[in-house]
Amino acid sequence: MAVSYKKLWKLLIDKNMKKKDLRMATGISTTTLAKLGKDENVSTDILAKICKVLECDVGDIMEMMNDKSE
């Protein structure tokens, strides 16, 4: 299974936020933000911080996809 953060990027657009704004609000590193941009795995702590700042649930920022669909 692969992970996709397309929902996160759409949510940022809806909230008129830039990736930099998210990074500053959550305190995540640029490396972690790059991992999100590449649809790589990040810790649940990071996902929880993002959800807290965006006032959403994990399902609102990510989804699991079959590897074959990539």
N, C-alpha and C. Protein backbone atom coordinates (compact mmCIF):
# COMPACT_ATOMS: atom_id res chain seq x y z
N MET A 1 0.84 -1.20 0.00
CA MET A 1 0.00 0.00 0.00
C MET A 1 0.88 1.25 0.00
N ALA A 2 0.45 2.20 -0.76
CA ALA A 2 1.15 3.48 -0.82
C ALA A 2 0.27 4.55 -0.20
N VAL A 3 0.89 5.63 0.22
CA VAL A 3 0.15 6.72 0.84
C VAL A 3 0.14 7.92 -0.11
N SER A 4 -0.94 8.67 -0.09
CA SER A 4 -1.05 9.88 -0.91
C SER A 4 -1.51 11.03 -0.02
N TYR A 5 -0.85 12.17 -0.18
CA TYR A 5 -1.21 13.37 0.59
C TYR A 5 -1.88 14.43 -0.28
N LYS A 6 -2.46 14.01 -1.40
CA LYS A 6 -3.14 14.96 -2.28
C LYS A 6 -4.24 15.72 -1.53
N LYS A 7 -4.92 15.02 -0.63
CA LYS A 7 -5.98 15.67 0.15
C LYS A 7 -5.43 16.80 1.01
N LEU A 8 -4.22 16.63 1.52
CA LEU A 8 -3.58 17.67 2.33
C LEU A 8 -3.36 18.91 1.50
N TRP A 9 -2.82 18.75 0.30
CA TRP A 9 -2.53 19.92 -0.55
C TRP A 9 -3.81 20.63 -0.97
N LYS A 10 -4.88 19.86 -1.23
CA LYS A 10 -6.17 20.48 -1.55
C LYS A 10 -6.71 21.27 -0.36
N LEU A 11 -6.55 20.69 0.84
CA LEU A 11 -7.04 21.34 2.05
C LEU A 11 -6.29 22.65 2.30
N LEU A 12 -4.99 22.65 2.05
CA LEU A 12 -4.21 23.88 2.21
C LEU A 12 -4.71 24.95 1.26
N ILE A 13 -5.01 24.57 0.03
CA ILE A 13 -5.55 25.54 -0.94
C ILE A 13 -6.89 26.09 -0.45
N ASP A 14 -7.75 25.19 0.04
CA ASP A 14 -9.06 25.62 0.54
C ASP A 14 -8.93 26.58 1.71
N LYS A 15 -7.90 26.38 2.54
CA LYS A 15 -7.70 27.24 3.71
C LYS A 15 -6.77 28.42 3.41
N ASN A 16 -6.41 28.57 2.12
CA ASN A 16 -5.55 29.67 1.69
C ASN A 16 -4.21 29.67 2.44
N MET A 17 -3.65 28.48 2.61
CA MET A 17 -2.37 28.33 3.30
C MET A 17 -1.32 27.83 2.32
N LYS A 18 -0.09 28.24 2.55
CA LYS A 18 1.03 27.73 1.77
C LYS A 18 1.73 26.66 2.58
N LYS A 19 2.56 25.87 1.92
CA LYS A 19 3.31 24.82 2.62
C LYS A 19 4.18 25.43 3.72
N LYS A 20 4.72 26.59 3.44
CA LYS A 20 5.56 27.28 4.44
C LYS A 20 4.73 27.63 5.67
N ASP A 21 3.49 28.08 5.46
CA ASP A 21 2.60 28.41 6.58
C ASP A 21 2.33 27.17 7.44
N LEU A 22 2.12 26.04 6.77
CA LEU A 22 1.88 24.79 7.48
C LEU A 22 3.11 24.41 8.30
N ARG A 23 4.27 24.53 7.68
CA ARG A 23 5.51 24.19 8.37
C ARG A 23 5.72 25.04 9.61
N MET A 24 5.47 26.32 9.49
CA MET A 24 5.65 27.23 10.63
C MET A 24 4.63 26.95 11.73
N ALA A 25 3.39 26.68 11.35
CA ALA A 25 2.32 26.46 12.33
C ALA A 25 2.49 25.14 13.09
N THR A 26 3.03 24.14 12.41
CA THR A 26 3.17 22.83 13.03
C THR A 26 4.54 22.60 13.65
N GLY A 27 5.53 23.33 13.18
CA GLY A 27 6.89 23.14 13.68
C GLY A 27 7.59 21.95 13.03
N ILE A 28 7.04 21.44 11.92
CA ILE A 28 7.70 20.33 11.24
C ILE A 28 8.88 20.84 10.42
N SER A 29 9.81 19.97 10.15
CA SER A 29 11.02 20.36 9.42
C SER A 29 10.76 20.42 7.92
N THR A 30 11.68 21.06 7.22
CA THR A 30 11.59 21.11 5.76
C THR A 30 11.76 19.71 5.17
N THR A 31 12.54 18.88 5.84
CA THR A 31 12.73 17.50 5.40
C THR A 31 11.42 16.73 5.46
N THR A 32 10.68 16.91 6.54
CA THR A 32 9.39 16.24 6.69
C THR A 32 8.41 16.75 5.64
N LEU A 33 8.42 18.04 5.39
CA LEU A 33 7.54 18.61 4.37
C LEU A 33 7.89 18.03 3.00
N ALA A 34 9.18 17.84 2.74
CA ALA A 34 9.60 17.23 1.48
C ALA A 34 9.10 15.79 1.37
N LYS A 35 9.14 15.06 2.48
CA LYS A 35 8.62 13.68 2.49
C LYS A 35 7.14 13.67 2.15
N LEU A 36 6.40 14.60 2.71
CA LEU A 36 4.97 14.70 2.41
C LEU A 36 4.76 14.98 0.93
N GLY A 37 5.59 15.86 0.39
CA GLY A 37 5.50 16.21 -1.03
C GLY A 37 5.79 15.05 -1.95
N LYS A 38 6.59 14.09 -1.47
CA LYS A 38 6.94 12.91 -2.26
C LYS A 38 6.07 11.70 -1.91
N ASP A 39 5.02 11.93 -1.14
CA ASP A 39 4.12 10.86 -0.69
C ASP A 39 4.87 9.75 0.03
N GLU A 40 5.84 10.13 0.86
CA GLU A 40 6.57 9.16 1.67
C GLU A 40 5.95 9.09 3.05
N ASN A 41 6.26 8.01 3.76
CA ASN A 41 5.70 7.82 5.09
C ASN A 41 6.29 8.81 6.09
N VAL A 42 5.43 9.34 6.95
CA VAL A 42 5.84 10.18 8.07
C VAL A 42 5.19 9.62 9.33
N SER A 43 5.68 10.03 10.47
CA SER A 43 5.15 9.47 11.73
C SER A 43 3.74 9.97 12.01
N THR A 44 3.05 9.21 12.84
CA THR A 44 1.70 9.60 13.23
C THR A 44 1.73 10.88 14.07
N ASP A 45 2.83 11.12 14.76
CA ASP A 45 2.96 12.38 15.52
C ASP A 45 2.89 13.57 14.59
N ILE A 46 3.55 13.47 13.45
CA ILE A 46 3.53 14.56 12.46
C ILE A 46 2.12 14.74 11.92
N LEU A 47 1.47 13.63 11.58
CA LEU A 47 0.10 13.71 11.05
C LEU A 47 -0.84 14.33 12.09
N ALA A 48 -0.64 13.99 13.35
CA ALA A 48 -1.47 14.54 14.42
C ALA A 48 -1.27 16.05 14.55
N LYS A 49 -0.03 16.51 14.44
CA LYS A 49 0.25 17.96 14.51
C LYS A 49 -0.45 18.68 13.37
N ILE A 50 -0.37 18.11 12.17
CA ILE A 50 -1.01 18.73 11.00
C ILE A 50 -2.52 18.79 11.19
N CYS A 51 -3.09 17.69 11.66
CA CYS A 51 -4.55 17.65 11.88
C CYS A 51 -4.98 18.66 12.93
N LYS A 52 -4.18 18.82 13.98
CA LYS A 52 -4.51 19.78 15.04
C LYS A 52 -4.54 21.19 14.48
N VAL A 53 -3.52 21.55 13.69
CA VAL A 53 -3.45 22.90 13.12
C VAL A 53 -4.57 23.15 12.12
N LEU A 54 -4.85 22.15 11.29
CA LEU A 54 -5.87 22.31 10.25
C LEU A 54 -7.28 21.98 10.73
N GLU A 55 -7.39 21.53 12.00
CA GLU A 55 -8.67 21.17 12.59
C GLU A 55 -9.41 20.15 11.72
N CYS A 56 -8.73 19.04 11.48
CA CYS A 56 -9.31 18.00 10.64
C CYS A 56 -8.92 16.63 11.16
N ASP A 57 -9.34 15.60 10.46
CA ASP A 57 -9.03 14.21 10.81
C ASP A 57 -7.97 13.69 9.83
N VAL A 58 -7.29 12.62 10.21
CA VAL A 58 -6.24 12.05 9.36
C VAL A 58 -6.77 11.71 7.97
N GLY A 59 -7.98 11.20 7.90
CA GLY A 59 -8.58 10.86 6.61
C GLY A 59 -8.81 12.06 5.71
N ASP A 60 -8.78 13.26 6.29
CA ASP A 60 -8.96 14.48 5.50
C ASP A 60 -7.66 14.92 4.82
N ILE A 61 -6.52 14.36 5.25
CA ILE A 61 -5.24 14.81 4.68
C ILE A 61 -4.46 13.72 3.95
N MET A 62 -4.88 12.47 4.10
CA MET A 62 -4.16 11.39 3.43
C MET A 62 -5.10 10.27 3.06
N GLU A 63 -4.65 9.42 2.14
CA GLU A 63 -5.39 8.23 1.79
C GLU A 63 -4.42 7.12 1.39
N MET A 64 -4.84 5.90 1.61
CA MET A 64 -4.04 4.74 1.23
C MET A 64 -4.43 4.31 -0.17
N MET A 65 -3.44 4.00 -0.98
CA MET A 65 -3.68 3.60 -2.36
C MET A 65 -2.96 2.30 -2.66
N ASN A 66 -3.50 1.52 -3.59
CA ASN A 66 -2.83 0.32 -4.03
C ASN A 66 -1.56 0.69 -4.79
N ASP A 67 -0.49 -0.04 -4.60
CA ASP A 67 0.77 0.24 -5.29
C ASP A 67 0.63 0.19 -6.80
N LYS A 68 -0.26 -0.63 -7.28
CA LYS A 68 -0.46 -0.79 -8.72
C LYS A 68 -0.98 0.46 -9.40
N SER A 69 -1.63 1.35 -8.65
CA SER A 69 -2.22 2.56 -9.24
C SER A 69 -1.21 3.68 -9.44
N GLU A 70 0.02 3.49 -9.01
CA GLU A 70 1.02 4.54 -9.14
C GLU A 70 1.56 4.63 -10.55
